[in-house]
PDB file of N, CA and C in Angstrom:
ATOM      1  N   MET A   1     102.473  -3.385 -67.928  1.00  0.00           N
ATOM      2  CA  MET A   1     102.331  -2.677 -66.593  1.00  0.00           C
ATOM      3  C   MET A   1     102.797  -3.817 -65.619  1.00  0.00           C
ATOM      4  N   LYS A   2     103.042  -3.748 -64.410  1.00  0.00           N
ATOM      5  CA  LYS A   2     103.584  -4.932 -63.471  1.00  0.00           C
ATOM      6  C   LYS A   2     102.176  -5.036 -62.403  1.00  0.00           C
ATOM      7  N   TYR A   3     102.143  -6.209 -62.083  1.00  0.00           N
ATOM      8  CA  TYR A   3     101.092  -6.308 -61.047  1.00  0.00           C
ATOM      9  C   TYR A   3     101.742  -6.996 -59.856  1.00  0.00           C
ATOM     10  N   LEU A   4     101.038  -6.993 -58.717  1.00  0.00           N
ATOM     11  CA  LEU A   4     101.652  -7.836 -57.714  1.00  0.00           C
ATOM     12  C   LEU A   4     101.410  -9.230 -57.682  1.00  0.00           C
ATOM     13  N   ARG A   5     102.090  -9.800 -57.261  1.00  0.00           N
ATOM     14  CA  ARG A   5     101.949 -11.276 -57.357  1.00  0.00           C
ATOM     15  C   ARG A   5     100.467 -11.711 -55.842  1.00  0.00           C
ATOM     16  N   ALA A   6      99.609 -12.718 -56.082  1.00  0.00           N
ATOM     17  CA  ALA A   6      99.010 -12.758 -55.152  1.00  0.00           C
ATOM     18  C   ALA A   6     100.226 -14.314 -54.416  1.00  0.00           C
ATOM     19  N   GLN A   7     100.434 -13.912 -52.886  1.00  0.00           N
ATOM     20  CA  GLN A   7     100.915 -14.690 -52.235  1.00  0.00           C
ATOM     21  C   GLN A   7     100.297 -16.080 -51.953  1.00  0.00           C
ATOM     22  N   ASN A   8      98.782 -15.716 -51.273  1.00  0.00           N
ATOM     23  CA  ASN A   8      98.214 -17.139 -51.563  1.00  0.00           C
ATOM     24  C   ASN A   8      96.734 -17.141 -51.815  1.00  0.00           C
ATOM     25  N   THR A   9      96.074 -18.116 -51.916  1.00  0.00           N
ATOM     26  CA  THR A   9      94.720 -17.856 -52.160  1.00  0.00           C
ATOM     27  C   THR A   9      93.618 -17.826 -51.177  1.00  0.00           C
ATOM     28  N   LYS A  10      92.777 -16.897 -50.807  1.00  0.00           N
ATOM     29  CA  LYS A  10      91.792 -16.980 -50.077  1.00  0.00           C
ATOM     30  C   LYS A  10      90.162 -17.273 -50.514  1.00  0.00           C
ATOM     31  N   ALA A  11      89.804 -17.648 -49.675  1.00  0.00           N
ATOM     32  CA  ALA A  11      88.324 -17.783 -49.968  1.00  0.00           C
ATOM     33  C   ALA A  11      87.620 -16.622 -50.312  1.00  0.00           C
ATOM     34  N   PRO A  12      86.310 -16.027 -51.376  1.00  0.00           N
ATOM     35  CA  PRO A  12      85.597 -14.990 -51.595  1.00  0.00           C
ATOM     36  C   PRO A  12      84.824 -14.292 -50.147  1.00  0.00           C
ATOM     37  N   PHE A  13      84.999 -14.848 -49.159  1.00  0.00           N
ATOM     38  CA  PHE A  13      84.207 -14.833 -48.215  1.00  0.00           C
ATOM     39  C   PHE A  13      84.948 -14.838 -46.866  1.00  0.00           C
ATOM     40  N   LYS A  14      85.083 -13.648 -45.871  1.00  0.00           N
ATOM     41  CA  LYS A  14      85.832 -13.382 -44.800  1.00  0.00           C
ATOM     42  C   LYS A  14      84.911 -13.018 -43.696  1.00  0.00           C
ATOM     43  N   PRO A  15      84.540 -13.406 -42.559  1.00  0.00           N
ATOM     44  CA  PRO A  15      83.589 -12.878 -41.948  1.00  0.00           C
ATOM     45  C   PRO A  15      83.888 -12.005 -41.342  1.00  0.00           C
ATOM     46  N   GLU A  16      84.915 -10.755 -41.253  1.00  0.00           N
ATOM     47  CA  GLU A  16      84.773  -9.794 -40.537  1.00  0.00           C
ATOM     48  C   GLU A  16      84.335  -8.630 -41.603  1.00  0.00           C
ATOM     49  N   ARG A  17      84.084  -9.327 -42.704  1.00  0.00           N
ATOM     50  CA  ARG A  17      83.721  -8.223 -44.223  1.00  0.00           C
ATOM     51  C   ARG A  17      82.372  -8.189 -44.278  1.00  0.00           C
ATOM     52  N   ARG A  18      81.917  -7.184 -44.653  1.00  0.00           N
ATOM     53  CA  ARG A  18      80.587  -6.938 -44.651  1.00  0.00           C
ATOM     54  C   ARG A  18      79.828  -7.303 -45.686  1.00  0.00           C
ATOM     55  N   ALA A  19      80.845  -7.535 -46.787  1.00  0.00           N
ATOM     56  CA  ALA A  19      80.234  -8.352 -48.156  1.00  0.00           C
ATOM     57  C   ALA A  19      80.949  -9.215 -48.802  1.00  0.00           C
ATOM     58  N   VAL A  20      80.543 -10.077 -49.315  1.00  0.00           N
ATOM     59  CA  VAL A  20      81.142 -11.266 -50.164  1.00  0.00           C
ATOM     60  C   VAL A  20      82.331 -10.805 -51.089  1.00  0.00           C
ATOM     61  N   ARG A  21      83.145 -10.633 -51.373  1.00  0.00           N
ATOM     62  CA  ARG A  21      84.303 -10.215 -52.052  1.00  0.00           C
ATOM     63  C   ARG A  21      84.642 -11.210 -53.234  1.00  0.00           C
ATOM     64  N   PHE A  22      84.193 -11.042 -54.301  1.00  0.00           N
ATOM     65  CA  PHE A  22      84.748 -11.866 -55.725  1.00  0.00           C
ATOM     66  C   PHE A  22      86.328 -11.827 -56.188  1.00  0.00           C
ATOM     67  N   GLU A  23      87.010 -12.307 -56.416  1.00  0.00           N
ATOM     68  CA  GLU A  23      88.371 -12.422 -56.847  1.00  0.00           C
ATOM     69  C   GLU A  23      88.132 -12.158 -58.295  1.00  0.00           C
ATOM     70  N   THR A  24      88.968 -11.237 -59.273  1.00  0.00           N
ATOM     71  CA  THR A  24      88.414 -10.549 -60.453  1.00  0.00           C
ATOM     72  C   THR A  24      89.740 -10.095 -61.131  1.00  0.00           C
ATOM     73  N   LEU A  25      89.582  -9.829 -62.374  1.00  0.00           N
ATOM     74  CA  LEU A  25      90.778  -9.456 -63.183  1.00  0.00           C
ATOM     75  C   LEU A  25      89.866  -8.156 -64.125  1.00  0.00           C
ATOM     76  N   LEU A  26      89.826  -7.041 -63.724  1.00  0.00           N
ATOM     77  CA  LEU A  26      89.096  -6.112 -64.915  1.00  0.00           C
ATOM     78  C   LEU A  26      89.802  -4.730 -64.710  1.00  0.00           C
ATOM     79  N   PRO A  27      89.628  -4.318 -65.645  1.00  0.00           N
ATOM     80  CA  PRO A  27      90.399  -2.788 -65.959  1.00  0.00           C
ATOM     81  C   PRO A  27      89.798  -2.094 -65.188  1.00  0.00           C
ATOM     82  N   VAL A  28      90.711  -0.751 -64.591  1.00  0.00           N
ATOM     83  CA  VAL A  28      90.373   0.238 -63.743  1.00  0.00           C
ATOM     84  C   VAL A  28      90.989   1.747 -64.219  1.00  0.00           C
ATOM     85  N   GLU A  29      90.262   2.679 -64.139  1.00  0.00           N
ATOM     86  CA  GLU A  29      90.679   3.818 -64.836  1.00  0.00           C
ATOM     87  C   GLU A  29      90.758   5.055 -63.739  1.00  0.00           C
ATOM     88  N   ILE A  30      91.922   5.446 -62.999  1.00  0.00           N
ATOM     89  CA  ILE A  30      91.952   6.679 -62.253  1.00  0.00           C
ATOM     90  C   ILE A  30      92.345   7.500 -62.596  1.00  0.00           C
ATOM     91  N   GLY A  31      91.372   8.744 -62.713  1.00  0.00           N
ATOM     92  CA  GLY A  31      92.159   9.973 -63.752  1.00  0.00           C
ATOM     93  C   GLY A  31      92.787   9.421 -65.214  1.00  0.00           C
ATOM     94  N   ASN A  32      93.875   9.852 -65.101  1.00  0.00           N
ATOM     95  CA  ASN A  32      94.814   9.541 -66.274  1.00  0.00           C
ATOM     96  C   ASN A  32      95.801   8.371 -65.999  1.00  0.00           C
ATOM     97  N   PHE A  33      95.343   7.251 -65.241  1.00  0.00           N
ATOM     98  CA  PHE A  33      95.970   6.453 -64.877  1.00  0.00           C
ATOM     99  C   PHE A  33      95.181   5.336 -64.987  1.00  0.00           C
ATOM    100  N   HIS A  34      95.875   3.793 -65.322  1.00  0.00           N
ATOM    101  CA  HIS A  34      94.945   2.755 -65.387  1.00  0.00           C
ATOM    102  C   HIS A  34      95.814   1.529 -64.404  1.00  0.00           C
ATOM    103  N   GLY A  35      94.625   0.631 -64.216  1.00  0.00           N
ATOM    104  CA  GLY A  35      94.903  -0.529 -63.285  1.00  0.00           C
ATOM    105  C   GLY A  35      94.335  -1.551 -63.410  1.00  0.00           C
ATOM    106  N   LEU A  36      94.325  -2.601 -62.271  1.00  0.00           N
ATOM    107  CA  LEU A  36      93.314  -3.493 -62.283  1.00  0.00           C
ATOM    108  C   LEU A  36      92.978  -3.922 -61.350  1.00  0.00           C
ATOM    109  N   ALA A  37      91.747  -4.278 -61.329  1.00  0.00           N
ATOM    110  CA  ALA A  37      91.190  -4.796 -60.271  1.00  0.00           C
ATOM    111  C   ALA A  37      91.170  -6.125 -59.694  1.00  0.00           C
ATOM    112  N   ARG A  38      91.445  -6.581 -58.577  1.00  0.00           N
ATOM    113  CA  ARG A  38      91.924  -7.643 -58.086  1.00  0.00           C
ATOM    114  C   ARG A  38      91.128  -8.666 -57.687  1.00  0.00           C
ATOM    115  N   ASN A  39      90.039  -7.667 -56.261  1.00  0.00           N
ATOM    116  CA  ASN A  39      88.696  -8.189 -56.077  1.00  0.00           C
ATOM    117  C   ASN A  39      88.089  -6.653 -56.074  1.00  0.00           C
ATOM    118  N   ILE A  40      86.536  -7.294 -55.678  1.00  0.00           N
ATOM    119  CA  ILE A  40      85.458  -6.483 -55.776  1.00  0.00           C
ATOM    120  C   ILE A  40      84.385  -7.034 -54.676  1.00  0.00           C
ATOM    121  N   SER A  41      83.541  -5.746 -54.359  1.00  0.00           N
ATOM    122  CA  SER A  41      82.352  -6.548 -53.087  1.00  0.00           C
ATOM    123  C   SER A  41      81.463  -5.493 -53.640  1.00  0.00           C
ATOM    124  N   ALA A  42      80.425  -5.278 -52.827  1.00  0.00           N
ATOM    125  CA  ALA A  42      79.326  -4.301 -53.040  1.00  0.00           C
ATOM    126  C   ALA A  42      79.891  -3.087 -52.195  1.00  0.00           C
ATOM    127  N   THR A  43      80.631  -3.429 -51.019  1.00  0.00           N
ATOM    128  CA  THR A  43      81.114  -2.277 -50.417  1.00  0.00           C
ATOM    129  C   THR A  43      82.639  -1.898 -50.537  1.00  0.00           C
ATOM    130  N   GLY A  44      83.443  -2.334 -51.376  1.00  0.00           N
ATOM    131  CA  GLY A  44      84.835  -2.409 -50.971  1.00  0.00           C
ATOM    132  C   GLY A  44      85.477  -3.071 -52.433  1.00  0.00           C
ATOM    133  N   ILE A  45      86.561  -2.337 -52.894  1.00  0.00           N
ATOM    134  CA  ILE A  45      87.335  -3.036 -54.341  1.00  0.00           C
ATOM    135  C   ILE A  45      88.926  -2.889 -53.830  1.00  0.00           C
ATOM    136  N   TYR A  46      89.723  -3.787 -54.528  1.00  0.00           N
ATOM    137  CA  TYR A  46      91.083  -4.147 -54.304  1.00  0.00           C
ATOM    138  C   TYR A  46      91.525  -3.930 -55.586  1.00  0.00           C
ATOM    139  N   PHE A  47      92.548  -3.035 -56.268  1.00  0.00           N
ATOM    140  CA  PHE A  47      93.141  -2.616 -57.319  1.00  0.00           C
ATOM    141  C   PHE A  47      95.062  -2.540 -57.181  1.00  0.00           C
ATOM    142  N   GLU A  48      95.198  -2.681 -58.730  1.00  0.00           N
ATOM    143  CA  GLU A  48      96.649  -2.235 -58.432  1.00  0.00           C
ATOM    144  C   GLU A  48      96.968  -1.213 -59.645  1.00  0.00           C
ATOM    145  N   THR A  49      97.766  -0.197 -59.753  1.00  0.00           N
ATOM    146  CA  THR A  49      97.879   0.743 -60.357  1.00  0.00           C
ATOM    147  C   THR A  49      99.370   0.980 -59.954  1.00  0.00           C
ATOM    148  N   GLU A  50     100.059   2.040 -61.101  1.00  0.00           N
ATOM    149  CA  GLU A  50     101.466   2.284 -60.941  1.00  0.00           C
ATOM    150  C   GLU A  50     101.546   3.858 -60.224  1.00  0.00           C
ATOM    151  N   ALA A  51     100.457   4.626 -59.904  1.00  0.00           N
ATOM    152  CA  ALA A  51     100.511   5.413 -59.210  1.00  0.00           C
ATOM    153  C   ALA A  51      99.151   5.471 -58.343  1.00  0.00           C
ATOM    154  N   ALA A  52      99.448   5.411 -57.041  1.00  0.00           N
ATOM    155  CA  ALA A  52      98.702   5.177 -55.933  1.00  0.00           C
ATOM    156  C   ALA A  52      98.031   6.451 -55.188  1.00  0.00           C
ATOM    157  N   PRO A  53      96.513   6.550 -55.063  1.00  0.00           N
ATOM    158  CA  PRO A  53      96.116   7.851 -54.078  1.00  0.00           C
ATOM    159  C   PRO A  53      96.797   7.688 -52.793  1.00  0.00           C
ATOM    160  N   PRO A  54      97.044   8.650 -52.008  1.00  0.00           N
ATOM    161  CA  PRO A  54      97.379   8.999 -50.657  1.00  0.00           C
ATOM    162  C   PRO A  54      96.280   8.498 -49.821  1.00  0.00           C
ATOM    163  N   LEU A  55      96.641   7.764 -49.053  1.00  0.00           N
ATOM    164  CA  LEU A  55      95.969   6.718 -47.791  1.00  0.00           C
ATOM    165  C   LEU A  55      95.093   7.814 -47.087  1.00  0.00           C
ATOM    166  N   GLY A  56      93.507   7.487 -47.285  1.00  0.00           N
ATOM    167  CA  GLY A  56      92.520   8.473 -46.580  1.00  0.00           C
ATOM    168  C   GLY A  56      92.002   9.644 -47.481  1.00  0.00           C
ATOM    169  N   SER A  57      92.408   9.425 -48.584  1.00  0.00           N
ATOM    170  CA  SER A  57      91.824  10.376 -49.655  1.00  0.00           C
ATOM    171  C   SER A  57      90.615   9.979 -50.391  1.00  0.00           C
ATOM    172  N   HIS A  58      89.902  11.118 -51.089  1.00  0.00           N
ATOM    173  CA  HIS A  58      88.569  10.561 -51.580  1.00  0.00           C
ATOM    174  C   HIS A  58      89.316  10.397 -53.221  1.00  0.00           C
ATOM    175  N   VAL A  59      88.725   9.364 -53.691  1.00  0.00           N
ATOM    176  CA  VAL A  59      88.994   9.079 -54.860  1.00  0.00           C
ATOM    177  C   VAL A  59      87.857   8.584 -55.562  1.00  0.00           C
ATOM    178  N   TYR A  60      87.647   9.049 -56.922  1.00  0.00           N
ATOM    179  CA  TYR A  60      86.767   8.432 -57.877  1.00  0.00           C
ATOM    180  C   TYR A  60      87.454   7.577 -59.095  1.00  0.00           C
ATOM    181  N   PHE A  61      86.843   6.629 -59.506  1.00  0.00           N
ATOM    182  CA  PHE A  61      87.460   5.959 -60.097  1.00  0.00           C
ATOM    183  C   PHE A  61      86.442   4.840 -61.053  1.00  0.00           C
ATOM    184  N   ALA A  62      86.742   4.440 -62.127  1.00  0.00           N
ATOM    185  CA  ALA A  62      85.787   3.380 -63.377  1.00  0.00           C
ATOM    186  C   ALA A  62      85.914   2.255 -62.850  1.00  0.00           C
ATOM    187  N   VAL A  63      85.261   1.368 -63.237  1.00  0.00           N
ATOM    188  CA  VAL A  63      85.910  -0.306 -63.748  1.00  0.00           C
ATOM    189  C   VAL A  63      84.829  -0.896 -64.492  1.00  0.00           C
ATOM    190  N   GLU A  64      85.745  -1.398 -65.942  1.00  0.00           N
ATOM    191  CA  GLU A  64      85.420  -1.765 -66.975  1.00  0.00           C
ATOM    192  C   GLU A  64      84.637  -3.172 -66.672  1.00  0.00           C
ATOM    193  N   LEU A  65      83.893  -3.649 -67.064  1.00  0.00           N
ATOM    194  CA  LEU A  65      83.170  -5.087 -66.616  1.00  0.00           C
ATOM    195  C   LEU A  65      82.029  -5.473 -68.207  1.00  0.00           C
ATOM    196  N   THR A  66      81.505  -6.487 -68.142  1.00  0.00           N
ATOM    197  CA  THR A  66      81.061  -7.030 -69.025  1.00  0.00           C
ATOM    198  C   THR A  66      79.948  -7.620 -68.572  1.00  0.00           C
ATOM    199  N   VAL A  67      78.388  -7.185 -68.674  1.00  0.00           N
ATOM    200  CA  VAL A  67      77.250  -8.072 -68.346  1.00  0.00           C
ATOM    201  C   VAL A  67      76.004  -7.874 -69.296  1.00  0.00           C
ATOM    202  N   ARG A  68      76.045  -9.462 -69.041  1.00  0.00           N
ATOM    203  CA  ARG A  68      75.161 -10.156 -70.525  1.00  0.00           C
ATOM    204  C   ARG A  68      75.549  -9.525 -71.634  1.00  0.00           C
ATOM    205  N   GLY A  69      77.097  -9.677 -72.132  1.00  0.00           N
ATOM    206  CA  GLY A  69      77.512  -9.399 -73.202  1.00  0.00           C
ATOM    207  C   GLY A  69      77.623  -7.902 -73.651  1.00  0.00           C
ATOM    208  N   GLU A  70      77.160  -6.889 -72.451  1.00  0.00           N
ATOM    209  CA  GLU A  70      77.555  -5.657 -72.974  1.00  0.00           C
ATOM    210  C   GLU A  70      78.268  -4.970 -71.672  1.00  0.00           C
ATOM    211  N   LYS A  71      79.422  -3.469 -72.603  1.00  0.00           N
ATOM    212  CA  LYS A  71      80.256  -3.422 -71.797  1.00  0.00           C
ATOM    213  C   LYS A  71      79.671  -2.510 -71.092  1.00  0.00           C
ATOM    214  N   LEU A  72      79.977  -2.039 -69.904  1.00  0.00           N
ATOM    215  CA  LEU A  72      79.634  -1.040 -68.781  1.00  0.00           C
ATOM    216  C   LEU A  72      80.900  -0.514 -68.036  1.00  0.00           C
ATOM    217  N   LYS A  73      80.655   0.437 -67.286  1.00  0.00           N
ATOM    218  CA  LYS A  73      81.518   1.504 -66.478  1.00  0.00           C
ATOM    219  C   LYS A  73      80.852   1.465 -65.258  1.00  0.00           C
ATOM    220  N   LEU A  74      81.401   0.648 -64.364  1.00  0.00           N
ATOM    221  CA  LEU A  74      81.003   0.814 -63.022  1.00  0.00           C
ATOM    222  C   LEU A  74      81.922   2.056 -62.388  1.00  0.00           C
ATOM    223  N   VAL A  75      81.283   3.460 -62.296  1.00  0.00           N
ATOM    224  CA  VAL A  75      81.833   4.628 -61.898  1.00  0.00           C
ATOM    225  C   VAL A  75      82.055   5.007 -60.290  1.00  0.00           C
ATOM    226  N   CYS A  76      82.982   4.775 -59.680  1.00  0.00           N
ATOM    227  CA  CYS A  76      82.983   4.834 -57.978  1.00  0.00           C
ATOM    228  C   CYS A  76      83.654   6.043 -57.273  1.00  0.00           C
ATOM    229  N   ASP A  77      82.960   6.100 -56.122  1.00  0.00           N
ATOM    230  CA  ASP A  77      83.444   7.253 -55.662  1.00  0.00           C
ATOM    231  C   ASP A  77      83.853   6.523 -53.793  1.00  0.00           C
ATOM    232  N   GLY A  78      84.671   6.825 -53.650  1.00  0.00           N
ATOM    233  CA  GLY A  78      85.296   5.723 -52.139  1.00  0.00           C
ATOM    234  C   GLY A  78      86.372   6.733 -51.368  1.00  0.00           C
ATOM    235  N   LYS A  79      87.051   6.177 -50.381  1.00  0.00           N
ATOM    236  CA  LYS A  79      87.821   6.571 -49.550  1.00  0.00           C
ATOM    237  C   LYS A  79      89.126   4.995 -49.231  1.00  0.00           C
ATOM    238  N   VAL A  80      90.229   5.449 -49.759  1.00  0.00           N
ATOM    239  CA  VAL A  80      91.769   4.964 -49.593  1.00  0.00           C
ATOM    240  C   VAL A  80      91.311   4.414 -48.384  1.00  0.00           C
ATOM    241  N   LEU A  81      91.489   3.061 -48.268  1.00  0.00           N
ATOM    242  CA  LEU A  81      91.963   2.624 -46.665  1.00  0.00           C
ATOM    243  C   LEU A  81      92.960   1.697 -46.361  1.00  0.00           C
ATOM    244  N   ARG A  82      93.999   1.727 -47.419  1.00  0.00           N
ATOM    245  CA  ARG A  82      94.993   1.005 -47.123  1.00  0.00           C
ATOM    246  C   ARG A  82      95.844   1.104 -49.011  1.00  0.00           C
ATOM    247  N   VAL A  83      97.045   0.952 -48.839  1.00  0.00           N
ATOM    248  CA  VAL A  83      98.178   1.355 -50.240  1.00  0.00           C
ATOM    249  C   VAL A  83      99.016   0.512 -49.751  1.00  0.00           C
ATOM    250  N   ASP A  84      99.054  -0.480 -50.715  1.00  0.00           N
ATOM    251  CA  ASP A  84     100.684  -1.506 -50.677  1.00  0.00           C
ATOM    252  C   ASP A  84     101.449  -1.205 -51.395  1.00  0.00           C
ATOM    253  N   HIS A  85     102.840  -0.919 -51.259  1.00  0.00           N
ATOM    254  CA  HIS A  85     103.745  -0.930 -52.227  1.00  0.00           C
ATOM    255  C   HIS A  85     104.435  -2.121 -52.373  1.00  0.00           C
ATOM    256  N   LYS A  86     105.065  -2.694 -53.807  1.00  0.00           N
ATOM    257  CA  LYS A  86     105.956  -3.755 -53.946  1.00  0.00           C
ATOM    258  C   LYS A  86     106.668  -3.638 -55.753  1.00  0.00           C
ATOM    259  N   ASP A  87     107.830  -3.602 -55.879  1.00  0.00           N
ATOM    260  CA  ASP A  87     108.147  -3.785 -56.806  1.00  0.00           C
ATOM    261  C   ASP A  87     107.260  -2.734 -58.035  1.00  0.00           C
ATOM    262  N   GLY A  88     107.340  -1.374 -57.529  1.00  0.00           N
ATOM    263  CA  GLY A  88     106.974  -0.479 -58.082  1.00  0.00           C
ATOM    264  C   GLY A  88     105.495  -0.567 -58.956  1.00  0.00           C
ATOM    265  N   VAL A  89     104.766  -1.370 -58.063  1.00  0.00           N
ATOM    266  CA  VAL A  89     102.955  -1.619 -57.932  1.00  0.00           C
ATOM    267  C   VAL A  89     102.331  -0.696 -56.804  1.00  0.00           C
ATOM    268  N   HIS A  90     101.488  -0.365 -56.755  1.00  0.00           N
ATOM    269  CA  HIS A  90     100.577   0.098 -55.911  1.00  0.00           C
ATOM    270  C   HIS A  90      99.103  -0.820 -55.261  1.00  0.00           C
ATOM    271  N   GLY A  91      99.281  -1.292 -54.702  1.00  0.00           N
ATOM    272  CA  GLY A  91      98.017  -1.910 -53.995  1.00  0.00           C
ATOM    273  C   GLY A  91      96.978  -1.192 -53.477  1.00  0.00           C
ATOM    274  N   VAL A  92      95.792  -0.858 -53.995  1.00  0.00           N
ATOM    275  CA  VAL A  92      94.660  -0.246 -53.116  1.00  0.00           C
ATOM    276  C   VAL A  92      93.415  -0.664 -52.609  1.00  0.00           C
ATOM    277  N   ALA A  93      93.171  -0.372 -51.486  1.00  0.00           N
ATOM    278  CA  ALA A  93      92.230  -0.930 -50.609  1.00  0.00           C
ATOM    279  C   ALA A  93      91.470   0.209 -50.656  1.00  0.00           C
ATOM    280  N   ALA A  94      89.996   0.503 -51.266  1.00  0.00           N
ATOM    281  CA  ALA A  94      89.057   1.291 -50.931  1.00  0.00           C
ATOM    282  C   ALA A  94      87.930   0.740 -50.917  1.00  0.00           C
ATOM    283  N   LYS A  95      87.321   1.718 -49.770  1.00  0.00           N
ATOM    284  CA  LYS A  95      85.795   1.340 -49.675  1.00  0.00           C
ATOM    285  C   LYS A  95      84.797   2.349 -50.270  1.00  0.00           C
ATOM    286  N   LEU A  96      83.862   1.639 -51.024  1.00  0.00           N
ATOM    287  CA  LEU A  96      82.923   2.588 -52.083  1.00  0.00           C
ATOM    288  C   LEU A  96      81.858   3.059 -51.155  1.00  0.00           C
ATOM    289  N   ASP A  97      81.661   4.395 -51.346  1.00  0.00           N
ATOM    290  CA  ASP A  97      80.808   5.277 -50.769  1.00  0.00           C
ATOM    291  C   ASP A  97      79.325   5.492 -51.805  1.00  0.00           C
ATOM    292  N   ASP A  98      79.898   5.198 -52.937  1.00  0.00           N
ATOM    293  CA  ASP A  98      78.867   5.514 -54.116  1.00  0.00           C
ATOM    294  C   ASP A  98      79.563   4.863 -55.583  1.00  0.00           C
ATOM    295  N   SER A  99      78.388   4.250 -55.855  1.00  0.00           N
ATOM    296  CA  SER A  99      78.655   3.936 -57.379  1.00  0.00           C
ATOM    297  C   SER A  99      77.654   3.879 -58.080  1.00  0.00           C
ATOM    298  N   PHE A 100      77.688   3.788 -59.883  1.00  0.00           N
ATOM    299  CA  PHE A 100      76.685   3.999 -60.661  1.00  0.00           C
ATOM    300  C   PHE A 100      77.083   3.359 -62.152  1.00  0.00           C
ATOM    301  N   PHE A 101      76.514   2.813 -62.867  1.00  0.00           N
ATOM    302  CA  PHE A 101      76.763   2.271 -64.040  1.00  0.00           C
ATOM    303  C   PHE A 101      76.341   3.315 -65.320  1.00  0.00           C
ATOM    304  N   SER A 102      77.607   3.423 -66.237  1.00  0.00           N
ATOM    305  CA  SER A 102      77.777   4.023 -67.239  1.00  0.00           C
ATOM    306  C   SER A 102      77.885   3.838 -68.166  1.00  0.00           C
ATOM    307  N   ASN A 103      77.283   4.067 -69.826  1.00  0.00           N
ATOM    308  CA  ASN A 103      78.043   3.496 -70.938  1.00  0.00           C
ATOM    309  C   ASN A 103      79.383   3.757 -71.206  1.00  0.00           C
ATOM    310  N   PRO A 104      80.141   2.635 -71.492  1.00  0.00           N
ATOM    311  CA  PRO A 104      81.552   3.321 -71.708  1.00  0.00           C
ATOM    312  C   PRO A 104      82.130   4.146 -72.674  1.00  0.00           C
ATOM    313  N   ALA A 105      81.007   4.460 -73.797  1.00  0.00           N
ATOM    314  CA  ALA A 105      80.961   5.700 -74.657  1.00  0.00           C
ATOM    315  C   ALA A 105      80.877   6.928 -73.930  1.00  0.00           C
ATOM    316  N   ASP A 106      80.432   6.827 -72.791  1.00  0.00           N
ATOM    317  CA  ASP A 106      80.226   8.170 -71.894  1.00  0.00           C
ATOM    318  C   ASP A 106      81.879   8.759 -71.420  1.00  0.00           C
ATOM    319  N   LEU A 107      81.750   9.751 -71.944  1.00  0.00           N
ATOM    320  CA  LEU A 107      82.987  10.666 -71.051  1.00  0.00           C
ATOM    321  C   LEU A 107      82.717  10.728 -69.690  1.00  0.00           C
ATOM    322  N   ILE A 108      83.556  10.465 -69.028  1.00  0.00           N
ATOM    323  CA  ILE A 108      83.342  10.597 -67.467  1.00  0.00           C
ATOM    324  C   ILE A 108      84.592  11.310 -67.062  1.00  0.00           C
ATOM    325  N   GLU A 109      84.131  12.628 -66.466  1.00  0.00           N
ATOM    326  CA  GLU A 109      85.470  13.344 -65.371  1.00  0.00           C
ATOM    327  C   GLU A 109      85.536  12.481 -64.498  1.00  0.00           C
ATOM    328  N   LEU A 110      86.480  11.667 -64.052  1.00  0.00           N
ATOM    329  CA  LEU A 110      87.013  11.306 -63.031  1.00  0.00           C
ATOM    330  C   LEU A 110      88.111  12.257 -62.404  1.00  0.00           C
ATOM    331  N   ASP A 111      87.797  12.913 -61.120  1.00  0.00           N
ATOM    332  CA  ASP A 111      88.461  13.588 -60.260  1.00  0.00           C
ATOM    333  C   ASP A 111      89.848  13.263 -60.283  1.00  0.00           C
ATOM    334  N   ALA A 112      90.845  13.896 -60.723  1.00  0.00           N
ATOM    335  CA  ALA A 112      92.756  13.373 -60.902  1.00  0.00           C
ATOM    336  C   ALA A 112      93.566  14.187 -60.115  1.00  0.00           C
ATOM    337  N   ALA A 113      92.950  15.025 -59.140  1.00  0.00           N
ATOM    338  CA  ALA A 113      93.417  15.747 -58.347  1.00  0.00           C
ATOM    339  C   ALA A 113      94.271  15.305 -57.352  1.00  0.00           C
ATOM    340  N   TRP A 114      94.204  13.737 -57.140  1.00  0.00           N
ATOM    341  CA  TRP A 114      95.474  13.023 -56.679  1.00  0.00           C
ATOM    342  C   TRP A 114      96.342  12.708 -57.237  1.00  0.00           C
ATOM    343  N   SER A 115      96.433  12.921 -58.524  1.00  0.00           N
ATOM    344  CA  SER A 115      97.505  12.127 -59.383  1.00  0.00           C
ATOM    345  C   SER A 115      98.409  13.629 -59.524  1.00  0.00           C
ATOM    346  N   GLN A 116      98.156  14.704 -59.148  1.00  0.00           N
ATOM    347  CA  GLN A 116      98.669  15.952 -59.731  1.00  0.00           C
ATOM    348  C   GLN A 116      99.716  15.829 -58.384  1.00  0.00           C
ATOM    349  N   HIS A 117      99.570  15.201 -57.318  1.00  0.00           N
ATOM    350  CA  HIS A 117     100.420  15.017 -56.032  1.00  0.00           C
ATOM    351  C   HIS A 117     101.462  13.776 -56.443  1.00  0.00           C
ATOM    352  N   THR A 118     101.524  13.084 -57.010  1.00  0.00           N
ATOM    353  CA  THR A 118     102.214  11.992 -57.598  1.00  0.00           C
ATOM    354  C   THR A 118     103.337  12.613 -58.581  1.00  0.00           C
ATOM    355  N   HIS A 119     103.108  13.482 -58.877  1.00  0.00           N
ATOM    356  CA  HIS A 119     104.161  14.023 -59.916  1.00  0.00           C
ATOM    357  C   HIS A 119     105.225  14.877 -59.421  1.00  0.00           C
TER     358      HIS A 119
END
């Protein structure tokens, strides 16, 4: 999978943002698609994927992370605020409306309705 290249390195905090944003490389699942989270905060996320949800759409996705040696899924509900397109990769900025932690072994039905519009 291709990924957007970072053009410049920014500090994790920007005054106009509500929460501190942390640079990261975490796997993301969006329906049947996979991606890579580039940064995340308590209120938002930026991830890259080969198929992007439409601007303004409501999305459900899961971010896989390790906390104290245990793998967890952060299941998120959010709204797409921006979609960047470059070299076949879509960068998606989303505002988080809700999230919860789940065991990665649990099967989680993620809303893939937007993915039907990408084919």
